[in-house]
Amino acid sequence: MNFFISEAWAQAPAAGPQGGGMTTLLLMVGMFVVFYFLLIRPQQKRAKEHKALISALAKGDEVVTAGGMVGKVTDLNDNYVTVEVGEGVNVKVQRPAIQAVLPKGTLKSA
């Protein structure tokens, strides 16, 4: 009855997935390998280095805390470190809050 409007018919589905399942699997494995080498492995390396730094702390070390305070370690505990940030000013921080150990004599030159 409609002379001006043509009827629309649905198209038949394609025969099977494009590219196959092996290509998809290889793409997923490739993405995991890239994530491992760019994200996971460097993070594990940094965590291992930080753990070694924390376990090697000793009295007299000059350190930088996570908050940016610079001082000398005066007392060590299993969980806490006492840092002297000024003459007679001691601050107790958790061991993981130590970010870096400075070379000896850094505080005297500052």
PDB file of N, CA and C in Angstrom:
ATOM      1  N   MET A   1       0.783  -1.184   0.000  1.00  0.00           N
ATOM      2  CA  MET A   1       0.000   0.000   0.000  1.00  0.00           C
ATOM      3  C   MET A   1       0.841   1.271   0.000  1.00  0.00           C
ATOM      4  N   ASN A   2       2.012   1.169   0.642  1.00  0.00           N
ATOM      5  CA  ASN A   2       2.884   2.345   0.671  1.00  0.00           C
ATOM      6  C   ASN A   2       3.727   2.374  -0.600  1.00  0.00           C
ATOM      7  N   PHE A   3       3.428   3.297  -1.435  1.00  0.00           N
ATOM      8  CA  PHE A   3       4.166   3.379  -2.683  1.00  0.00           C
ATOM      9  C   PHE A   3       5.456   4.163  -2.530  1.00  0.00           C
ATOM     10  N   PHE A   4       5.506   5.084  -1.559  1.00  0.00           N
ATOM     11  CA  PHE A   4       6.653   5.958  -1.409  1.00  0.00           C
ATOM     12  C   PHE A   4       7.677   5.472  -0.377  1.00  0.00           C
ATOM     13  N   ILE A   5       7.290   4.559   0.497  1.00  0.00           N
ATOM     14  CA  ILE A   5       8.189   4.063   1.552  1.00  0.00           C
ATOM     15  C   ILE A   5       8.460   2.591   1.305  1.00  0.00           C
ATOM     16  N   SER A   6       9.735   2.252   1.185  1.00  0.00           N
ATOM     17  CA  SER A   6      10.071   0.844   0.968  1.00  0.00           C
ATOM     18  C   SER A   6      10.169   0.138   2.312  1.00  0.00           C
ATOM     19  N   GLU A   7       9.949  -1.140   2.294  1.00  0.00           N
ATOM     20  CA  GLU A   7       9.999  -1.915   3.522  1.00  0.00           C
ATOM     21  C   GLU A   7      11.453  -2.214   3.885  1.00  0.00           C
ATOM     22  N   ALA A   8      11.738  -2.224   5.197  1.00  0.00           N
ATOM     23  CA  ALA A   8      13.086  -2.527   5.680  1.00  0.00           C
ATOM     24  C   ALA A   8      13.111  -3.951   6.194  1.00  0.00           C
ATOM     25  N   TRP A   9      14.116  -4.681   5.799  1.00  0.00           N
ATOM     26  CA  TRP A   9      14.267  -6.060   6.225  1.00  0.00           C
ATOM     27  C   TRP A   9      15.542  -6.176   7.048  1.00  0.00           C
ATOM     28  N   ALA A  10      15.531  -7.015   8.077  1.00  0.00           N
ATOM     29  CA  ALA A  10      16.718  -7.225   8.918  1.00  0.00           C
ATOM     30  C   ALA A  10      17.753  -8.024   8.139  1.00  0.00           C
ATOM     31  N   GLN A  11      19.013  -7.690   8.389  1.00  0.00           N
ATOM     32  CA  GLN A  11      20.109  -8.382   7.712  1.00  0.00           C
ATOM     33  C   GLN A  11      20.456  -9.643   8.501  1.00  0.00           C
ATOM     34  N   ALA A  12      20.876 -10.664   7.824  1.00  0.00           N
ATOM     35  CA  ALA A  12      21.248 -11.924   8.471  1.00  0.00           C
ATOM     36  C   ALA A  12      22.555 -11.720   9.251  1.00  0.00           C
ATOM     37  N   PRO A  13      22.710 -12.403  10.409  1.00  0.00           N
ATOM     38  CA  PRO A  13      23.945 -12.250  11.186  1.00  0.00           C
ATOM     39  C   PRO A  13      25.147 -12.815  10.441  1.00  0.00           C
ATOM     40  N   ALA A  14      26.333 -12.254  10.775  1.00  0.00           N
ATOM     41  CA  ALA A  14      27.567 -12.724  10.143  1.00  0.00           C
ATOM     42  C   ALA A  14      27.874 -14.138  10.616  1.00  0.00           C
ATOM     43  N   ALA A  15      28.603 -14.871   9.821  1.00  0.00           N
ATOM     44  CA  ALA A  15      28.921 -16.265  10.150  1.00  0.00           C
ATOM     45  C   ALA A  15      30.128 -16.320  11.074  1.00  0.00           C
ATOM     46  N   GLY A  16      29.927 -16.395  12.413  1.00  0.00           N
ATOM     47  CA  GLY A  16      31.011 -16.544  13.381  1.00  0.00           C
ATOM     48  C   GLY A  16      31.649 -15.210  13.745  1.00  0.00           C
ATOM     49  N   PRO A  17      32.434 -15.208  14.806  1.00  0.00           N
ATOM     50  CA  PRO A  17      33.095 -13.974  15.244  1.00  0.00           C
ATOM     51  C   PRO A  17      34.210 -13.566  14.290  1.00  0.00           C
ATOM     52  N   GLN A  18      34.420 -12.293  14.177  1.00  0.00           N
ATOM     53  CA  GLN A  18      35.480 -11.769  13.322  1.00  0.00           C
ATOM     54  C   GLN A  18      36.829 -11.941  14.002  1.00  0.00           C
ATOM     55  N   GLY A  19      37.792 -12.543  13.372  1.00  0.00           N
ATOM     56  CA  GLY A  19      39.134 -12.674  13.936  1.00  0.00           C
ATOM     57  C   GLY A  19      39.334 -13.943  14.736  1.00  0.00           C
ATOM     58  N   GLY A  20      38.306 -14.588  15.182  1.00  0.00           N
ATOM     59  CA  GLY A  20      38.424 -15.839  15.909  1.00  0.00           C
ATOM     60  C   GLY A  20      38.775 -15.633  17.371  1.00  0.00           C
ATOM     61  N   GLY A  21      38.689 -16.707  18.146  1.00  0.00           N
ATOM     62  CA  GLY A  21      38.942 -16.660  19.581  1.00  0.00           C
ATOM     63  C   GLY A  21      40.422 -16.587  19.923  1.00  0.00           C
ATOM     64  N   MET A  22      41.282 -17.115  19.070  1.00  0.00           N
ATOM     65  CA  MET A  22      42.722 -17.120  19.348  1.00  0.00           C
ATOM     66  C   MET A  22      43.291 -15.700  19.341  1.00  0.00           C
ATOM     67  N   THR A  23      42.821 -14.875  18.443  1.00  0.00           N
ATOM     68  CA  THR A  23      43.294 -13.492  18.382  1.00  0.00           C
ATOM     69  C   THR A  23      42.903 -12.741  19.653  1.00  0.00           C
ATOM     70  N   THR A  24      41.708 -12.946  20.126  1.00  0.00           N
ATOM     71  CA  THR A  24      41.247 -12.291  21.349  1.00  0.00           C
ATOM     72  C   THR A  24      42.070 -12.742  22.539  1.00  0.00           C
ATOM     73  N   LEU A  25      42.350 -14.040  22.609  1.00  0.00           N
ATOM     74  CA  LEU A  25      43.154 -14.575  23.703  1.00  0.00           C
ATOM     75  C   LEU A  25      44.565 -13.996  23.685  1.00  0.00           C
ATOM     76  N   LEU A  26      45.173 -13.928  22.514  1.00  0.00           N
ATOM     77  CA  LEU A  26      46.522 -13.360  22.400  1.00  0.00           C
ATOM     78  C   LEU A  26      46.543 -11.879  22.783  1.00  0.00           C
ATOM     79  N   LEU A  27      45.506 -11.158  22.427  1.00  0.00           N
ATOM     80  CA  LEU A  27      45.409  -9.746  22.795  1.00  0.00           C
ATOM     81  C   LEU A  27      45.315  -9.579  24.306  1.00  0.00           C
ATOM     82  N   MET A  28      44.522 -10.418  24.966  1.00  0.00           N
ATOM     83  CA  MET A  28      44.389 -10.344  26.427  1.00  0.00           C
ATOM     84  C   MET A  28      45.711 -10.667  27.116  1.00  0.00           C
ATOM     85  N   VAL A  29      46.394 -11.708  26.661  1.00  0.00           N
ATOM     86  CA  VAL A  29      47.686 -12.080  27.243  1.00  0.00           C
ATOM     87  C   VAL A  29      48.703 -10.962  27.020  1.00  0.00           C
ATOM     88  N   GLY A  30      48.696 -10.383  25.837  1.00  0.00           N
ATOM     89  CA  GLY A  30      49.601  -9.268  25.540  1.00  0.00           C
ATOM     90  C   GLY A  30      49.360  -8.072  26.445  1.00  0.00           C
ATOM     91  N   MET A  31      48.106  -7.757  26.713  1.00  0.00           N
ATOM     92  CA  MET A  31      47.795  -6.639  27.601  1.00  0.00           C
ATOM     93  C   MET A  31      48.260  -6.925  29.022  1.00  0.00           C
ATOM     94  N   PHE A  32      48.090  -8.168  29.490  1.00  0.00           N
ATOM     95  CA  PHE A  32      48.558  -8.520  30.824  1.00  0.00           C
ATOM     96  C   PHE A  32      50.073  -8.391  30.921  1.00  0.00           C
ATOM     97  N   VAL A  33      50.802  -8.816  29.904  1.00  0.00           N
ATOM     98  CA  VAL A  33      52.266  -8.722  29.907  1.00  0.00           C
ATOM     99  C   VAL A  33      52.699  -7.259  29.960  1.00  0.00           C
ATOM    100  N   VAL A  34      52.044  -6.416  29.205  1.00  0.00           N
ATOM    101  CA  VAL A  34      52.375  -4.981  29.218  1.00  0.00           C
ATOM    102  C   VAL A  34      52.102  -4.390  30.600  1.00  0.00           C
ATOM    103  N   PHE A  35      50.955  -4.700  31.197  1.00  0.00           N
ATOM    104  CA  PHE A  35      50.653  -4.203  32.541  1.00  0.00           C
ATOM    105  C   PHE A  35      51.669  -4.701  33.552  1.00  0.00           C
ATOM    106  N   TYR A  36      52.081  -5.950  33.432  1.00  0.00           N
ATOM    107  CA  TYR A  36      53.039  -6.503  34.383  1.00  0.00           C
ATOM    108  C   TYR A  36      54.364  -5.744  34.321  1.00  0.00           C
ATOM    109  N   PHE A  37      54.892  -5.536  33.132  1.00  0.00           N
ATOM    110  CA  PHE A  37      56.200  -4.900  33.018  1.00  0.00           C
ATOM    111  C   PHE A  37      56.159  -3.390  33.223  1.00  0.00           C
ATOM    112  N   LEU A  38      55.033  -2.746  32.976  1.00  0.00           N
ATOM    113  CA  LEU A  38      54.960  -1.293  33.146  1.00  0.00           C
ATOM    114  C   LEU A  38      54.428  -0.858  34.505  1.00  0.00           C
ATOM    115  N   LEU A  39      53.607  -1.671  35.161  1.00  0.00           N
ATOM    116  CA  LEU A  39      52.983  -1.256  36.412  1.00  0.00           C
ATOM    117  C   LEU A  39      53.340  -2.140  37.603  1.00  0.00           C
ATOM    118  N   ILE A  40      53.108  -3.426  37.482  1.00  0.00           N
ATOM    119  CA  ILE A  40      53.222  -4.316  38.641  1.00  0.00           C
ATOM    120  C   ILE A  40      54.673  -4.515  39.052  1.00  0.00           C
ATOM    121  N   ARG A  41      55.541  -4.855  38.128  1.00  0.00           N
ATOM    122  CA  ARG A  41      56.933  -5.157  38.458  1.00  0.00           C
ATOM    123  C   ARG A  41      57.675  -3.956  39.060  1.00  0.00           C
ATOM    124  N   PRO A  42      57.583  -2.748  38.489  1.00  0.00           N
ATOM    125  CA  PRO A  42      58.268  -1.608  39.122  1.00  0.00           C
ATOM    126  C   PRO A  42      57.749  -1.303  40.524  1.00  0.00           C
ATOM    127  N   GLN A  43      56.443  -1.466  40.758  1.00  0.00           N
ATOM    128  CA  GLN A  43      55.882  -1.212  42.085  1.00  0.00           C
ATOM    129  C   GLN A  43      56.412  -2.219  43.101  1.00  0.00           C
ATOM    130  N   GLN A  44      56.516  -3.488  42.707  1.00  0.00           N
ATOM    131  CA  GLN A  44      57.071  -4.502  43.601  1.00  0.00           C
ATOM    132  C   GLN A  44      58.529  -4.213  43.918  1.00  0.00           C
ATOM    133  N   LYS A  45      59.263  -3.725  42.941  1.00  0.00           N
ATOM    134  CA  LYS A  45      60.683  -3.395  43.144  1.00  0.00           C
ATOM    135  C   LYS A  45      60.827  -2.235  44.134  1.00  0.00           C
ATOM    136  N   ARG A  46      60.007  -1.190  43.980  1.00  0.00           N
ATOM    137  CA  ARG A  46      60.059  -0.054  44.906  1.00  0.00           C
ATOM    138  C   ARG A  46      59.688  -0.477  46.320  1.00  0.00           C
ATOM    139  N   ALA A  47      58.674  -1.325  46.453  1.00  0.00           N
ATOM    140  CA  ALA A  47      58.252  -1.789  47.776  1.00  0.00           C
ATOM    141  C   ALA A  47      59.365  -2.615  48.434  1.00  0.00           C
ATOM    142  N   LYS A  48      60.052  -3.422  47.672  1.00  0.00           N
ATOM    143  CA  LYS A  48      61.146  -4.236  48.204  1.00  0.00           C
ATOM    144  C   LYS A  48      62.303  -3.353  48.668  1.00  0.00           C
ATOM    145  N   GLU A  49      62.638  -2.329  47.885  1.00  0.00           N
ATOM    146  CA  GLU A  49      63.703  -1.400  48.259  1.00  0.00           C
ATOM    147  C   GLU A  49      63.339  -0.627  49.525  1.00  0.00           C
ATOM    148  N   HIS A  50      62.081  -0.186  49.639  1.00  0.00           N
ATOM    149  CA  HIS A  50      61.649   0.569  50.815  1.00  0.00           C
ATOM    150  C   HIS A  50      61.685  -0.311  52.060  1.00  0.00           C
ATOM    151  N   LYS A  51      61.289  -1.569  51.924  1.00  0.00           N
ATOM    152  CA  LYS A  51      61.323  -2.492  53.052  1.00  0.00           C
ATOM    153  C   LYS A  51      62.766  -2.711  53.521  1.00  0.00           C
ATOM    154  N   ALA A  52      63.703  -2.815  52.579  1.00  0.00           N
ATOM    155  CA  ALA A  52      65.114  -2.965  52.939  1.00  0.00           C
ATOM    156  C   ALA A  52      65.639  -1.708  53.627  1.00  0.00           C
ATOM    157  N   LEU A  53      65.221  -0.534  53.160  1.00  0.00           N
ATOM    158  CA  LEU A  53      65.633   0.733  53.767  1.00  0.00           C
ATOM    159  C   LEU A  53      65.126   0.819  55.208  1.00  0.00           C
ATOM    160  N   ILE A  54      63.879   0.439  55.437  1.00  0.00           N
ATOM    161  CA  ILE A  54      63.280   0.505  56.769  1.00  0.00           C
ATOM    162  C   ILE A  54      63.977  -0.460  57.731  1.00  0.00           C
ATOM    163  N   SER A  55      64.299  -1.642  57.254  1.00  0.00           N
ATOM    164  CA  SER A  55      64.920  -2.629  58.134  1.00  0.00           C
ATOM    165  C   SER A  55      66.378  -2.295  58.436  1.00  0.00           C
ATOM    166  N   ALA A  56      67.026  -1.482  57.612  1.00  0.00           N
ATOM    167  CA  ALA A  56      68.429  -1.143  57.805  1.00  0.00           C
ATOM    168  C   ALA A  56      68.631   0.153  58.595  1.00  0.00           C
ATOM    169  N   LEU A  57      67.569   0.756  59.107  1.00  0.00           N
ATOM    170  CA  LEU A  57      67.704   1.999  59.878  1.00  0.00           C
ATOM    171  C   LEU A  57      68.529   1.755  61.140  1.00  0.00           C
ATOM    172  N   ALA A  58      69.334   2.758  61.496  1.00  0.00           N
ATOM    173  CA  ALA A  58      70.150   2.672  62.703  1.00  0.00           C
ATOM    174  C   ALA A  58      70.189   4.042  63.365  1.00  0.00           C
ATOM    175  N   LYS A  59      70.568   4.067  64.653  1.00  0.00           N
ATOM    176  CA  LYS A  59      70.706   5.343  65.360  1.00  0.00           C
ATOM    177  C   LYS A  59      71.777   6.178  64.680  1.00  0.00           C
ATOM    178  N   GLY A  60      71.486   7.463  64.577  1.00  0.00           N
ATOM    179  CA  GLY A  60      72.432   8.376  63.954  1.00  0.00           C
ATOM    180  C   GLY A  60      72.187   8.610  62.468  1.00  0.00           C
ATOM    181  N   ASP A  61      71.336   7.821  61.846  1.00  0.00           N
ATOM    182  CA  ASP A  61      71.012   8.032  60.431  1.00  0.00           C
ATOM    183  C   ASP A  61      70.226   9.325  60.268  1.00  0.00           C
ATOM    184  N   GLU A  62      70.505  10.026  59.198  1.00  0.00           N
ATOM    185  CA  GLU A  62      69.763  11.241  58.867  1.00  0.00           C
ATOM    186  C   GLU A  62      68.707  10.853  57.843  1.00  0.00           C
ATOM    187  N   VAL A  63      67.440  11.160  58.158  1.00  0.00           N
ATOM    188  CA  VAL A  63      66.323  10.667  57.355  1.00  0.00           C
ATOM    189  C   VAL A  63      65.360  11.788  56.968  1.00  0.00           C
ATOM    190  N   VAL A  64      64.535  11.480  55.967  1.00  0.00           N
ATOM    191  CA  VAL A  64      63.434  12.350  55.551  1.00  0.00           C
ATOM    192  C   VAL A  64      62.153  11.556  55.766  1.00  0.00           C
ATOM    193  N   THR A  65      61.174  12.174  56.443  1.00  0.00           N
ATOM    194  CA  THR A  65      59.901  11.498  56.684  1.00  0.00           C
ATOM    195  C   THR A  65      58.941  11.761  55.531  1.00  0.00           C
ATOM    196  N   ALA A  66      57.806  11.063  55.547  1.00  0.00           N
ATOM    197  CA  ALA A  66      56.791  11.236  54.502  1.00  0.00           C
ATOM    198  C   ALA A  66      56.232  12.660  54.511  1.00  0.00           C
ATOM    199  N   GLY A  67      56.235  13.308  55.660  1.00  0.00           N
ATOM    200  CA  GLY A  67      55.736  14.675  55.759  1.00  0.00           C
ATOM    201  C   GLY A  67      56.759  15.719  55.348  1.00  0.00           C
ATOM    202  N   GLY A  68      57.976  15.286  55.047  1.00  0.00           N
ATOM    203  CA  GLY A  68      59.011  16.211  54.596  1.00  0.00           C
ATOM    204  C   GLY A  68      59.940  16.683  55.694  1.00  0.00           C
ATOM    205  N   MET A  69      59.762  16.186  56.925  1.00  0.00           N
ATOM    206  CA  MET A  69      60.658  16.591  58.013  1.00  0.00           C
ATOM    207  C   MET A  69      62.002  15.883  57.858  1.00  0.00           C
ATOM    208  N   VAL A  70      63.060  16.624  58.143  1.00  0.00           N
ATOM    209  CA  VAL A  70      64.410  16.085  58.064  1.00  0.00           C
ATOM    210  C   VAL A  70      64.971  16.046  59.475  1.00  0.00           C
ATOM    211  N   GLY A  71      65.581  14.928  59.828  1.00  0.00           N
ATOM    212  CA  GLY A  71      66.132  14.825  61.165  1.00  0.00           C
ATOM    213  C   GLY A  71      67.046  13.626  61.315  1.00  0.00           C
ATOM    214  N   LYS A  72      67.515  13.448  62.560  1.00  0.00           N
ATOM    215  CA  LYS A  72      68.432  12.362  62.884  1.00  0.00           C
ATOM    216  C   LYS A  72      67.716  11.352  63.771  1.00  0.00           C
ATOM    217  N   VAL A  73      67.901  10.068  63.474  1.00  0.00           N
ATOM    218  CA  VAL A  73      67.285   8.997  64.254  1.00  0.00           C
ATOM    219  C   VAL A  73      67.980   8.920  65.604  1.00  0.00           C
ATOM    220  N   THR A  74      67.172   9.011  66.687  1.00  0.00           N
ATOM    221  CA  THR A  74      67.740   8.934  68.030  1.00  0.00           C
ATOM    222  C   THR A  74      67.339   7.666  68.760  1.00  0.00           C
ATOM    223  N   ASP A  75      66.210   7.067  68.369  1.00  0.00           N
ATOM    224  CA  ASP A  75      65.758   5.857  69.036  1.00  0.00           C
ATOM    225  C   ASP A  75      64.964   5.016  68.047  1.00  0.00           C
ATOM    226  N   LEU A  76      65.120   3.698  68.147  1.00  0.00           N
ATOM    227  CA  LEU A  76      64.423   2.768  67.253  1.00  0.00           C
ATOM    228  C   LEU A  76      63.574   1.806  68.065  1.00  0.00           C
ATOM    229  N   ASN A  77      62.450   1.431  67.504  1.00  0.00           N
ATOM    230  CA  ASN A  77      61.539   0.472  68.094  1.00  0.00           C
ATOM    231  C   ASN A  77      61.116  -0.466  66.965  1.00  0.00           C
ATOM    232  N   ASP A  78      60.358  -1.507  67.260  1.00  0.00           N
ATOM    233  CA  ASP A  78      59.878  -2.386  66.200  1.00  0.00           C
ATOM    234  C   ASP A  78      58.939  -1.656  65.239  1.00  0.00           C
ATOM    235  N   ASN A  79      58.122  -0.762  65.767  1.00  0.00           N
ATOM    236  CA  ASN A  79      57.126  -0.074  64.947  1.00  0.00           C
ATOM    237  C   ASN A  79      57.370   1.421  64.782  1.00  0.00           C
ATOM    238  N   TYR A  80      58.157   2.020  65.691  1.00  0.00           N
ATOM    239  CA  TYR A  80      58.317   3.473  65.690  1.00  0.00           C
ATOM    240  C   TYR A  80      59.780   3.873  65.660  1.00  0.00           C
ATOM    241  N   VAL A  81      60.022   5.079  65.166  1.00  0.00           N
ATOM    242  CA  VAL A  81      61.349   5.678  65.131  1.00  0.00           C
ATOM    243  C   VAL A  81      61.234   7.067  65.734  1.00  0.00           C
ATOM    244  N   THR A  82      62.148   7.412  66.636  1.00  0.00           N
ATOM    245  CA  THR A  82      62.181   8.765  67.185  1.00  0.00           C
ATOM    246  C   THR A  82      63.213   9.553  66.397  1.00  0.00           C
ATOM    247  N   VAL A  83      62.769  10.677  65.841  1.00  0.00           N
ATOM    248  CA  VAL A  83      63.613  11.510  64.994  1.00  0.00           C
ATOM    249  C   VAL A  83      63.793  12.865  65.664  1.00  0.00           C
ATOM    250  N   GLU A  84      65.036  13.306  65.800  1.00  0.00           N
ATOM    251  CA  GLU A  84      65.320  14.633  66.342  1.00  0.00           C
ATOM    252  C   GLU A  84      65.337  15.611  65.174  1.00  0.00           C
ATOM    253  N   VAL A  85      64.323  16.506  65.141  1.00  0.00           N
ATOM    254  CA  VAL A  85      64.193  17.449  64.036  1.00  0.00           C
ATOM    255  C   VAL A  85      64.797  18.805  64.358  1.00  0.00           C
ATOM    256  N   GLY A  86      65.083  19.040  65.609  1.00  0.00           N
ATOM    257  CA  GLY A  86      65.722  20.272  66.049  1.00  0.00           C
ATOM    258  C   GLY A  86      66.386  19.995  67.377  1.00  0.00           C
ATOM    259  N   GLU A  87      67.117  20.973  67.881  1.00  0.00           N
ATOM    260  CA  GLU A  87      67.808  20.780  69.146  1.00  0.00           C
ATOM    261  C   GLU A  87      66.790  20.604  70.275  1.00  0.00           C
ATOM    262  N   GLY A  88      66.719  19.386  70.813  1.00  0.00           N
ATOM    263  CA  GLY A  88      65.786  19.079  71.891  1.00  0.00           C
ATOM    264  C   GLY A  88      64.364  18.808  71.430  1.00  0.00           C
ATOM    265  N   VAL A  89      64.118  18.749  70.129  1.00  0.00           N
ATOM    266  CA  VAL A  89      62.774  18.492  69.594  1.00  0.00           C
ATOM    267  C   VAL A  89      62.769  17.101  68.962  1.00  0.00           C
ATOM    268  N   ASN A  90      62.060  16.177  69.611  1.00  0.00           N
ATOM    269  CA  ASN A  90      61.983  14.812  69.113  1.00  0.00           C
ATOM    270  C   ASN A  90      60.570  14.508  68.632  1.00  0.00           C
ATOM    271  N   VAL A  91      60.488  13.812  67.510  1.00  0.00           N
ATOM    272  CA  VAL A  91      59.208  13.430  66.926  1.00  0.00           C
ATOM    273  C   VAL A  91      59.220  11.922  66.750  1.00  0.00           C
ATOM    274  N   LYS A  92      58.136  11.276  67.186  1.00  0.00           N
ATOM    275  CA  LYS A  92      58.020   9.831  67.015  1.00  0.00           C
ATOM    276  C   LYS A  92      57.143   9.564  65.797  1.00  0.00           C
ATOM    277  N   VAL A  93      57.681   8.805  64.831  1.00  0.00           N
ATOM    278  CA  VAL A  93      56.951   8.467  63.609  1.00  0.00           C
ATOM    279  C   VAL A  93      56.973   6.953  63.415  1.00  0.00           C
ATOM    280  N   GLN A  94      56.043   6.461  62.652  1.00  0.00           N
ATOM    281  CA  GLN A  94      56.036   5.041  62.317  1.00  0.00           C
ATOM    282  C   GLN A  94      57.173   4.746  61.337  1.00  0.00           C
ATOM    283  N   ARG A  95      57.691   3.543  61.404  1.00  0.00           N
ATOM    284  CA  ARG A  95      58.812   3.166  60.532  1.00  0.00           C
ATOM    285  C   ARG A  95      58.499   3.360  59.042  1.00  0.00           C
ATOM    286  N   PRO A  96      57.316   2.936  58.560  1.00  0.00           N
ATOM    287  CA  PRO A  96      57.044   3.123  57.123  1.00  0.00           C
ATOM    288  C   PRO A  96      56.975   4.585  56.687  1.00  0.00           C
ATOM    289  N   ALA A  97      56.887   5.528  57.632  1.00  0.00           N
ATOM    290  CA  ALA A  97      56.828   6.945  57.274  1.00  0.00           C
ATOM    291  C   ALA A  97      58.193   7.497  56.873  1.00  0.00           C
ATOM    292  N   ILE A  98      59.253   6.716  57.070  1.00  0.00           N
ATOM    293  CA  ILE A  98      60.582   7.152  56.644  1.00  0.00           C
ATOM    294  C   ILE A  98      60.678   6.946  55.138  1.00  0.00           C
ATOM    295  N   GLN A  99      60.933   8.032  54.409  1.00  0.00           N
ATOM    296  CA  GLN A  99      60.982   7.963  52.948  1.00  0.00           C
ATOM    297  C   GLN A  99      62.385   7.709  52.411  1.00  0.00           C
ATOM    298  N   ALA A 100      63.391   8.318  53.033  1.00  0.00           N
ATOM    299  CA  ALA A 100      64.748   8.192  52.506  1.00  0.00           C
ATOM    300  C   ALA A 100      65.759   8.387  53.620  1.00  0.00           C
ATOM    301  N   VAL A 101      66.914   7.781  53.435  1.00  0.00           N
ATOM    302  CA  VAL A 101      68.045   7.993  54.334  1.00  0.00           C
ATOM    303  C   VAL A 101      69.016   8.905  53.591  1.00  0.00           C
ATOM    304  N   LEU A 102      69.381  10.005  54.236  1.00  0.00           N
ATOM    305  CA  LEU A 102      70.274  10.986  53.625  1.00  0.00           C
ATOM    306  C   LEU A 102      71.734  10.624  53.891  1.00  0.00           C
ATOM    307  N   PRO A 103      72.639  11.116  53.060  1.00  0.00           N
ATOM    308  CA  PRO A 103      74.062  10.890  53.321  1.00  0.00           C
ATOM    309  C   PRO A 103      74.479  11.577  54.622  1.00  0.00           C
ATOM    310  N   LYS A 104      75.469  11.007  55.295  1.00  0.00           N
ATOM    311  CA  LYS A 104      75.971  11.574  56.556  1.00  0.00           C
ATOM    312  C   LYS A 104      76.472  13.006  56.326  1.00  0.00           C
ATOM    313  N   GLY A 105      76.135  13.877  57.275  1.00  0.00           N
ATOM    314  CA  GLY A 105      76.575  15.275  57.194  1.00  0.00           C
ATOM    315  C   GLY A 105      75.635  16.190  56.447  1.00  0.00           C
ATOM    316  N   THR A 106      74.532  15.696  55.957  1.00  0.00           N
ATOM    317  CA  THR A 106      73.592  16.519  55.218  1.00  0.00           C
ATOM    318  C   THR A 106      72.955  17.590  56.101  1.00  0.00           C
ATOM    319  N   LEU A 107      72.642  17.238  57.359  1.00  0.00           N
ATOM    320  CA  LEU A 107      71.997  18.188  58.255  1.00  0.00           C
ATOM    321  C   LEU A 107      72.940  19.295  58.690  1.00  0.00           C
ATOM    322  N   LYS A 108      74.215  19.017  58.821  1.00  0.00           N
ATOM    323  CA  LYS A 108      75.165  20.049  59.246  1.00  0.00           C
ATOM    324  C   LYS A 108      75.361  21.103  58.159  1.00  0.00           C
ATOM    325  N   SER A 109      75.252  20.714  56.906  1.00  0.00           N
ATOM    326  CA  SER A 109      75.447  21.673  55.809  1.00  0.00           C
ATOM    327  C   SER A 109      74.202  22.519  55.568  1.00  0.00           C
ATOM    328  N   ALA A 110      73.062  22.094  56.053  1.00  0.00           N
ATOM    329  CA  ALA A 110      71.807  22.828  55.802  1.00  0.00           C
ATOM    330  C   ALA A 110      71.643  23.975  56.763  1.00  0.00           C
TER     331      ALA A 110
END
